[in-house]
């Protein structure tokens, strides 16, 4: 199988598996227990917190372990809104956000919040000027992701964070697709909270963290205890150790991986020139993460393309794994100006360091077969 769906999930790396096994065997104590075995597990957990915080230039006390990106997004948004109830009830976001963010924000409308959805350009990038104009006196939170999970668009989070700092507005950034792939600095970007998932960078599933800037206000421990037992219950020490190991490995290879993705993207764009008019890449711009490629097809639904690829042992996606079972057109495609029908003619491919140009050649064989099939029907 040629796997081209790394944005959905990744296999655990050898280093991550070895770290998990070692921790499970040698550090099996409850990290909250006071005996030696528990203390050793607690010390290892603290080391992981310190390591993960260093990758985002954050405060160790701001790292709270969760089950992944969805829980992290919901905890962050609930926490920040809980702190700002007295200040206002206006939120700014985009329709490009992950479903977990949009669900959490939608729930806030039931208690009186209003939401402004910023427009994006054809590359899927927000305008700082549009953000300035959207800010109101009662704006308390802006939630804008770093890298879009379907198009690969990179948002200007440093400029966004600077603007929001000037207005005293909280900034939540979903970094699930960017952590371990492009640099993140919560201080430079003035990010108050961000979300991360382990399984996006070769760590175990069911592990992640939410970062809440400690200086942003009172501790969120009370809120977290209502939703999860991660911080005061029995911590998943082996999973967290495996996560931290995978994250360290990813950061050590960050530049190498990015250059490899750029090479693959360039190669693919050259190859699809032979199918001009049938397939095109969406959101291609300088503000694009090359590890995620969105392709749309003329008169062919993405679901059909995906099934044909699967028949030839190639795994691609028709969008975020959290939304593929819905029949509605992708919000991200509608946001960049596609019609509902065009938005359904979409597949996403995503790369790893293991992806080769030979893998892309196999994909192109299927796309050429599809093109011939469509031309015959005409």
Protein backbone atom coordinates (compact mmCIF):
# COMPACT_ATOMS: atom_id res chain seq x y z
CA UNK A 1 0.00 0.00 0.00
CA UNK A 2 1.22 3.48 -0.93
CA UNK A 3 0.18 5.58 2.06
CA UNK A 4 -0.45 9.25 1.26
CA UNK A 5 -2.62 10.18 4.25
CA UNK A 6 -0.13 11.23 6.92
CA UNK A 7 -2.19 14.32 7.79
CA UNK A 8 -4.88 11.95 9.09
CA UNK A 9 -2.51 9.87 11.20
CA UNK A 10 0.97 8.37 11.19
CA UNK A 11 2.41 5.02 12.24
CA UNK A 12 4.36 5.05 15.48
CA UNK A 13 8.06 5.46 14.88
CA UNK A 14 10.58 2.87 16.04
CA UNK A 15 11.95 5.35 18.57
CA UNK A 16 8.48 6.08 19.94
CA UNK A 17 7.62 2.39 20.31
CA UNK A 18 10.89 1.68 22.10
CA UNK A 19 10.32 4.59 24.45
CA UNK A 20 6.79 3.38 25.19
CA UNK A 21 7.97 -0.13 25.97
CA UNK A 22 10.76 1.09 28.24
CA UNK A 23 8.45 3.40 30.16
CA UNK A 24 5.72 0.76 30.45
CA UNK A 25 8.16 -1.77 31.88
CA UNK A 26 10.40 0.39 34.05
CA UNK A 27 8.23 3.42 34.97
CA UNK A 28 4.86 1.82 35.57
CA UNK A 29 4.12 3.65 38.81
CA UNK A 30 1.31 6.16 39.28
CA UNK A 31 3.00 9.55 38.79
CA UNK A 32 0.97 10.96 41.70
CA UNK A 33 2.04 8.28 44.18
CA UNK A 34 4.59 9.26 46.83
CA UNK A 35 6.63 6.06 46.88
CA UNK A 36 9.85 5.69 44.89
CA UNK A 37 8.31 3.99 41.86
CA UNK A 38 5.62 6.69 41.65
CA UNK A 39 8.15 9.47 42.14
CA UNK A 40 10.29 8.09 39.32
CA UNK A 41 7.29 8.11 37.00
CA UNK A 42 6.49 11.66 38.10
CA UNK A 43 10.04 12.80 37.43
CA UNK A 44 9.89 11.29 33.95
CA UNK A 45 6.59 13.06 33.33
CA UNK A 46 8.14 16.38 34.40
CA UNK A 47 11.01 15.78 32.00
CA UNK A 48 8.53 15.24 29.17
CA UNK A 49 6.69 18.45 30.06
CA UNK A 50 9.94 20.39 30.00
CA UNK A 51 10.96 18.88 26.65
CA UNK A 52 7.61 19.55 24.96
CA UNK A 53 7.46 23.10 26.32
CA UNK A 54 10.91 23.78 24.88
CA UNK A 55 9.68 22.92 21.37
CA UNK A 56 7.21 25.83 21.46
CA UNK A 57 9.29 28.17 23.67
CA UNK A 58 6.59 27.85 26.29
CA UNK A 59 6.35 27.66 30.07
CA UNK A 60 6.52 24.12 31.44
CA UNK A 61 3.60 24.89 33.74
CA UNK A 62 1.43 25.56 30.69
CA UNK A 63 1.59 21.99 29.39
CA UNK A 64 -1.52 19.93 30.22
CA UNK A 65 -1.71 16.42 28.77
CA UNK A 66 -4.88 15.36 26.97
CA UNK A 67 -6.18 12.60 24.74
CA UNK A 68 -5.38 14.56 21.57
CA UNK A 69 -6.24 17.55 19.42
CA UNK A 70 -10.02 17.51 19.80
CA UNK A 71 -9.94 17.50 23.60
CA UNK A 72 -7.15 20.09 23.59
CA UNK A 73 -9.14 22.46 21.37
CA UNK A 74 -12.26 22.15 23.48
CA UNK A 75 -10.41 22.62 26.77
CA UNK A 76 -8.56 25.66 25.51
CA UNK A 77 -11.67 27.39 24.19
CA UNK A 78 -13.75 26.60 27.27
CA UNK A 79 -10.97 27.83 29.52
CA UNK A 80 -10.38 31.13 27.73
CA UNK A 81 -14.08 31.89 27.45
CA UNK A 82 -14.58 31.07 31.12
CA UNK A 83 -12.07 33.78 31.99
CA UNK A 84 -13.62 36.45 29.77
CA UNK A 85 -17.35 36.20 30.49
CA UNK A 86 -17.27 39.61 32.17
CA UNK A 87 -15.36 41.28 29.30
CA UNK A 88 -17.46 40.52 26.25
CA UNK A 89 -19.22 37.94 24.12
CA UNK A 90 -17.69 38.25 20.65
CA UNK A 91 -15.44 35.64 19.01
CA UNK A 92 -13.54 35.73 15.71
CA UNK A 93 -12.54 32.63 13.78
CA UNK A 94 -12.53 31.21 10.23
CA UNK A 95 -14.59 28.53 8.52
CA UNK A 96 -11.33 26.68 7.86
CA UNK A 97 -10.99 25.53 11.47
CA UNK A 98 -11.07 21.91 12.58
CA UNK A 99 -14.51 20.53 13.39
CA UNK A 100 -13.67 20.36 17.11
CA UNK A 101 -13.00 24.11 17.21
CA UNK A 102 -16.13 24.97 15.27
CA UNK A 103 -18.24 22.73 17.53
CA UNK A 104 -16.84 24.32 20.67
CA UNK A 105 -17.46 27.82 19.32
CA UNK A 106 -20.93 26.90 18.13
CA UNK A 107 -21.79 25.72 21.63
CA UNK A 108 -20.79 29.13 22.98
CA UNK A 109 -23.57 30.73 20.92
CA UNK A 110 -26.10 28.98 23.16
CA UNK A 111 -24.92 31.15 26.05
CA UNK A 112 -24.95 34.44 24.19
CA UNK A 113 -21.67 34.62 22.25
CA UNK A 114 -21.63 35.92 18.68
CA UNK A 115 -19.12 34.72 16.10
CA UNK A 116 -17.52 36.48 13.14
CA UNK A 117 -16.06 34.20 10.45
CA UNK A 118 -13.17 35.90 8.68
CA UNK A 119 -12.94 35.56 4.89
CA UNK A 120 -9.82 34.01 3.36
CA UNK A 121 -8.22 34.47 -0.04
CA UNK A 122 -7.91 31.76 -2.71
CA UNK A 123 -4.83 30.46 -0.91
CA UNK A 124 -6.88 29.97 2.26
CA UNK A 125 -5.05 32.73 4.16
CA UNK A 126 -6.68 35.39 6.33
CA UNK A 127 -6.01 39.10 5.90
CA UNK A 128 -4.65 41.02 8.88
CA UNK A 129 -6.62 44.01 7.68
CA UNK A 130 -9.83 41.95 7.69
CA UNK A 131 -9.03 40.84 11.22
CA UNK A 132 -8.51 44.45 12.31
CA UNK A 133 -11.89 45.41 10.89
CA UNK A 134 -13.61 42.45 12.56
CA UNK A 135 -12.42 43.34 16.07
CA UNK A 136 -15.14 44.85 18.25
CA UNK A 137 -15.09 46.38 21.71
CA UNK A 138 -16.43 43.13 23.16
CA UNK A 139 -14.14 40.74 21.22
CA UNK A 140 -12.59 38.34 23.73
CA UNK A 141 -11.22 35.44 21.68
CA UNK A 142 -9.75 34.75 18.25
CA UNK A 143 -9.32 31.10 17.20
CA UNK A 144 -7.25 30.63 14.06
CA UNK A 145 -5.30 27.47 13.22
CA UNK A 146 -1.66 27.47 12.15
CA UNK A 147 -1.75 25.02 9.23
CA UNK A 148 -5.01 23.99 7.59
CA UNK A 149 -5.63 20.26 7.73
CA UNK A 150 -7.10 20.04 4.20
CA UNK A 151 -5.41 22.72 2.11
CA UNK A 152 -2.08 23.16 3.91
CA UNK A 153 -2.55 26.95 4.14
CA UNK A 154 -0.25 28.59 6.69
CA UNK A 155 -1.75 31.49 8.63
CA UNK A 156 0.39 34.51 9.64
CA UNK A 157 0.14 33.68 13.34
CA UNK A 158 2.91 36.06 14.44
CA UNK A 159 1.17 39.06 12.88
CA UNK A 160 -2.18 37.85 14.23
CA UNK A 161 -0.77 37.42 17.72
CA UNK A 162 0.83 40.85 17.73
CA UNK A 163 -2.42 42.53 16.72
CA UNK A 164 -4.41 40.65 19.35
CA UNK A 165 -1.88 41.48 22.06
CA UNK A 166 -2.33 45.18 21.29
CA UNK A 167 -6.09 44.78 21.82
CA UNK A 168 -5.87 42.47 24.84
CA UNK A 169 -7.68 39.61 23.07
CA UNK A 170 -7.00 35.93 23.75
CA UNK A 171 -5.47 33.95 20.86
CA UNK A 172 -6.09 30.21 20.50
CA UNK A 173 -4.12 28.43 17.77
CA UNK A 174 -4.77 24.87 16.62
CA UNK A 175 -1.25 23.58 15.91
CA UNK A 176 -2.14 19.94 15.37
CA UNK A 177 -0.86 19.95 11.77
CA UNK A 178 2.16 22.22 12.36
CA UNK A 179 3.75 20.97 15.59
CA UNK A 180 6.93 19.08 14.74
CA UNK A 181 6.76 20.23 11.12
CA UNK A 182 7.32 23.99 11.16
CA UNK A 183 8.68 26.20 13.97
CA UNK A 184 6.27 27.43 16.66
CA UNK A 185 7.14 30.11 19.21
CA UNK A 186 4.27 30.99 21.55
CA UNK A 187 6.12 34.07 22.79
CA UNK A 188 6.84 35.58 19.37
CA UNK A 189 3.31 34.76 18.18
CA UNK A 190 1.70 35.83 21.48
CA UNK A 191 -0.32 32.60 21.57
CA UNK A 192 -2.38 32.13 24.73
CA UNK A 193 -3.37 28.53 24.03
CA UNK A 194 -2.57 25.89 21.45
CA UNK A 195 -3.42 22.28 20.77
CA UNK A 196 -1.23 19.36 19.72
CA UNK A 197 -1.82 15.66 18.93
CA UNK A 198 0.84 12.97 19.23
CA UNK A 199 -0.38 10.71 16.41
CA UNK A 200 0.28 13.37 13.75
CA UNK A 201 4.05 13.00 14.23
CA UNK A 202 4.67 9.28 14.72
CA UNK A 203 3.66 9.09 18.37
CA UNK A 204 0.84 7.02 19.90
CA UNK A 205 -2.84 7.77 19.41
CA UNK A 206 -4.84 9.01 22.38
CA UNK A 207 -2.15 11.43 23.60
CA UNK A 208 -1.68 15.17 23.13
CA UNK A 209 -1.41 18.38 25.06
CA UNK A 210 -3.09 21.72 25.41
CA UNK A 211 -0.83 24.64 26.19
CA UNK A 212 -2.38 27.43 28.26
CA UNK A 213 -0.07 30.36 28.89
CA UNK A 214 0.22 30.52 32.72
CA UNK A 215 0.40 34.30 32.63
CA UNK A 216 -2.99 34.38 30.90
CA UNK A 217 -4.76 34.15 34.24
CA UNK A 218 -5.73 31.64 36.89
CA UNK A 219 -4.88 27.98 36.44
CA UNK A 220 -7.22 25.91 34.28
CA UNK A 221 -6.81 22.91 36.57
CA UNK A 222 -10.37 23.23 37.87
CA UNK A 223 -11.77 23.18 34.35
CA UNK A 224 -9.54 20.32 33.28
CA UNK A 225 -10.60 18.24 36.27
CA UNK A 226 -14.22 18.59 35.16
CA UNK A 227 -13.43 17.20 31.71
CA UNK A 228 -10.48 14.86 32.10
CA UNK A 229 -8.49 13.12 34.79
CA UNK A 230 -5.19 13.49 32.98
CA UNK A 231 -3.66 16.05 35.34
CA UNK A 232 -4.72 14.52 38.65
CA UNK A 233 -5.73 10.98 37.77
CA UNK A 234 -3.47 8.14 36.66
CA UNK A 235 -1.35 9.65 33.93
CA UNK A 236 -0.53 7.74 30.75
CA UNK A 237 3.21 7.93 31.38
CA UNK A 238 4.28 5.45 28.65
CA UNK A 239 2.13 7.24 26.06
CA UNK A 240 3.44 10.67 27.07
CA UNK A 241 7.05 9.45 27.00
CA UNK A 242 6.49 7.99 23.54
CA UNK A 243 4.90 11.28 22.45
CA UNK A 244 7.80 13.37 23.75
CA UNK A 245 10.27 11.02 22.05
CA UNK A 246 8.43 11.27 18.72
CA UNK A 247 8.26 15.05 19.07
CA UNK A 248 11.99 15.31 19.75
CA UNK A 249 12.75 13.11 16.76
CA UNK A 250 10.45 15.23 14.55
CA UNK A 251 12.06 18.49 15.67
CA UNK A 252 15.53 17.12 15.04
CA UNK A 253 14.47 16.38 11.44
CA UNK A 254 12.28 19.42 10.94
CA UNK A 255 14.32 21.13 8.24
CA UNK A 256 15.14 17.87 6.47
CA UNK A 257 11.46 16.89 6.36
CA UNK A 258 10.32 20.31 5.13
CA UNK A 259 12.85 20.28 2.29
CA UNK A 260 11.74 16.76 1.36
CA UNK A 261 8.10 17.85 1.27
CA UNK A 262 8.97 20.79 -0.96
CA UNK A 263 10.75 18.42 -3.34
CA UNK A 264 7.74 16.09 -3.46
CA UNK A 265 5.32 18.97 -4.00
CA UNK A 266 7.43 20.36 -6.84
CA UNK A 267 7.67 16.92 -8.42
CA UNK A 268 3.91 16.37 -8.21
CA UNK A 269 3.10 19.79 -9.67
CA UNK A 270 5.35 18.99 -12.62
CA UNK A 271 3.63 15.64 -13.13
CA UNK A 272 0.06 16.98 -13.05
CA UNK A 273 0.86 19.47 -15.79
CA UNK A 274 0.17 16.61 -18.20
CA UNK A 275 -3.39 16.52 -16.81
CA UNK A 276 -4.00 20.25 -17.01
CA UNK A 277 -7.72 20.96 -17.11
CA UNK A 278 -8.52 17.71 -15.32
CA UNK A 279 -6.72 18.12 -12.00
CA UNK A 280 -5.27 21.12 -10.19
CA UNK A 281 -3.72 21.92 -6.84
CA UNK A 282 -5.64 24.25 -4.55
CA UNK A 283 -4.30 26.99 -2.26
CA UNK A 284 -0.83 26.96 -3.79
CA UNK A 285 1.04 30.05 -2.58
CA UNK A 286 4.16 30.99 -0.60
CA UNK A 287 1.99 30.60 2.52
CA UNK A 288 1.57 26.85 2.03
CA UNK A 289 2.85 23.84 3.95
CA UNK A 290 4.15 21.44 1.28
CA UNK A 291 3.37 18.30 3.28
CA UNK A 292 -0.38 18.68 2.60
CA UNK A 293 -1.64 18.90 -0.98
CA UNK A 294 -5.27 19.49 -1.94
CA UNK A 295 -6.31 18.45 -5.45
CA UNK A 296 -9.61 19.09 -7.23
CA UNK A 297 -10.86 17.31 -10.35
CA UNK A 298 -13.04 18.36 -13.22
CA UNK A 299 -16.36 16.50 -13.23
CA UNK A 300 -15.13 13.73 -10.90
CA UNK A 301 -16.05 13.53 -7.24
CA UNK A 302 -13.24 13.07 -4.76
CA UNK A 303 -14.97 10.06 -3.27
CA UNK A 304 -14.69 8.27 -6.62
CA UNK A 305 -11.02 9.25 -7.01
CA UNK A 306 -10.30 7.97 -3.51
CA UNK A 307 -12.02 4.63 -4.21
CA UNK A 308 -10.11 4.17 -7.46
CA UNK A 309 -6.84 4.94 -5.70
CA UNK A 310 -7.73 2.44 -2.99
CA UNK A 311 -8.38 -0.22 -5.65
CA UNK A 312 -4.78 0.31 -6.73
CA UNK A 313 -3.47 0.16 -3.14
CA UNK A 314 -3.00 3.89 -2.72
CA UNK A 315 -4.41 5.60 0.37
CA UNK A 316 -5.57 9.20 -0.07
CA UNK A 317 -8.26 11.22 1.73
CA UNK A 318 -11.31 13.21 0.69
CA UNK A 319 -10.76 15.69 3.51
CA UNK A 320 -10.26 15.66 7.26
CA UNK A 321 -10.79 12.21 8.77
CA UNK A 322 -13.22 13.87 11.22
CA UNK A 323 -15.58 14.94 8.40
CA UNK A 324 -15.23 12.38 5.59
CA UNK A 325 -18.47 10.58 6.47
CA UNK A 326 -20.52 13.75 5.93
CA UNK A 327 -22.03 14.38 2.50
CA UNK A 328 -21.79 18.17 2.75
CA UNK A 329 -19.08 19.92 0.67
CA UNK A 330 -15.92 20.79 2.56
CA UNK A 331 -16.06 24.16 4.32
CA UNK A 332 -12.44 24.87 3.43
CA UNK A 333 -13.17 24.58 -0.30
CA UNK A 334 -16.24 26.79 -0.05
CA UNK A 335 -14.17 29.34 1.87
CA UNK A 336 -11.67 29.72 -0.97
CA UNK A 337 -14.44 30.31 -3.50
CA UNK A 338 -15.34 26.86 -4.80
CA UNK A 339 -18.94 26.01 -5.60
CA UNK A 340 -20.61 23.20 -3.60
CA UNK A 341 -20.17 20.84 -6.57
CA UNK A 342 -16.50 21.75 -7.05
CA UNK A 343 -15.91 21.31 -3.33
CA UNK A 344 -16.96 17.68 -3.61
CA UNK A 345 -14.35 17.00 -6.33
CA UNK A 346 -11.49 17.08 -3.85
CA UNK A 347 -8.84 14.74 -2.46
CA UNK A 348 -6.03 15.43 -0.02
CA UNK A 349 -2.65 13.78 -0.14
CA UNK A 350 -0.07 14.22 2.59
CA UNK A 351 3.56 13.21 2.92
CA UNK A 352 6.16 11.87 5.32
CA UNK A 353 9.90 11.44 5.11
CA UNK A 354 9.14 7.92 3.88
CA UNK A 355 7.19 9.18 0.86
CA UNK A 356 9.07 8.90 -2.43
CA UNK A 357 8.67 10.20 -5.96
CA UNK A 358 8.00 6.59 -6.93
CA UNK A 359 4.93 6.71 -4.67
CA UNK A 360 3.74 9.78 -6.56
CA UNK A 361 4.37 8.00 -9.86
CA UNK A 362 1.95 5.29 -8.71
CA UNK A 363 -0.62 7.95 -7.89
CA UNK A 364 -0.17 9.55 -11.30
CA UNK A 365 -0.79 6.21 -13.03
CA UNK A 366 -4.21 6.07 -11.40
CA UNK A 367 -4.98 9.69 -12.25
CA UNK A 368 -4.08 9.08 -15.90
CA UNK A 369 -6.37 6.03 -15.95
CA UNK A 370 -9.18 8.13 -14.51
CA UNK A 371 -8.60 10.82 -17.10
CA UNK A 372 -8.81 8.27 -19.93
CA UNK A 373 -11.99 6.86 -18.42
CA UNK A 374 -13.61 10.29 -18.27
CA UNK A 375 -12.54 11.18 -21.82
CA UNK A 376 -14.06 7.92 -23.15
CA UNK A 377 -17.38 8.71 -21.49
CA UNK A 378 -17.46 11.99 -23.38
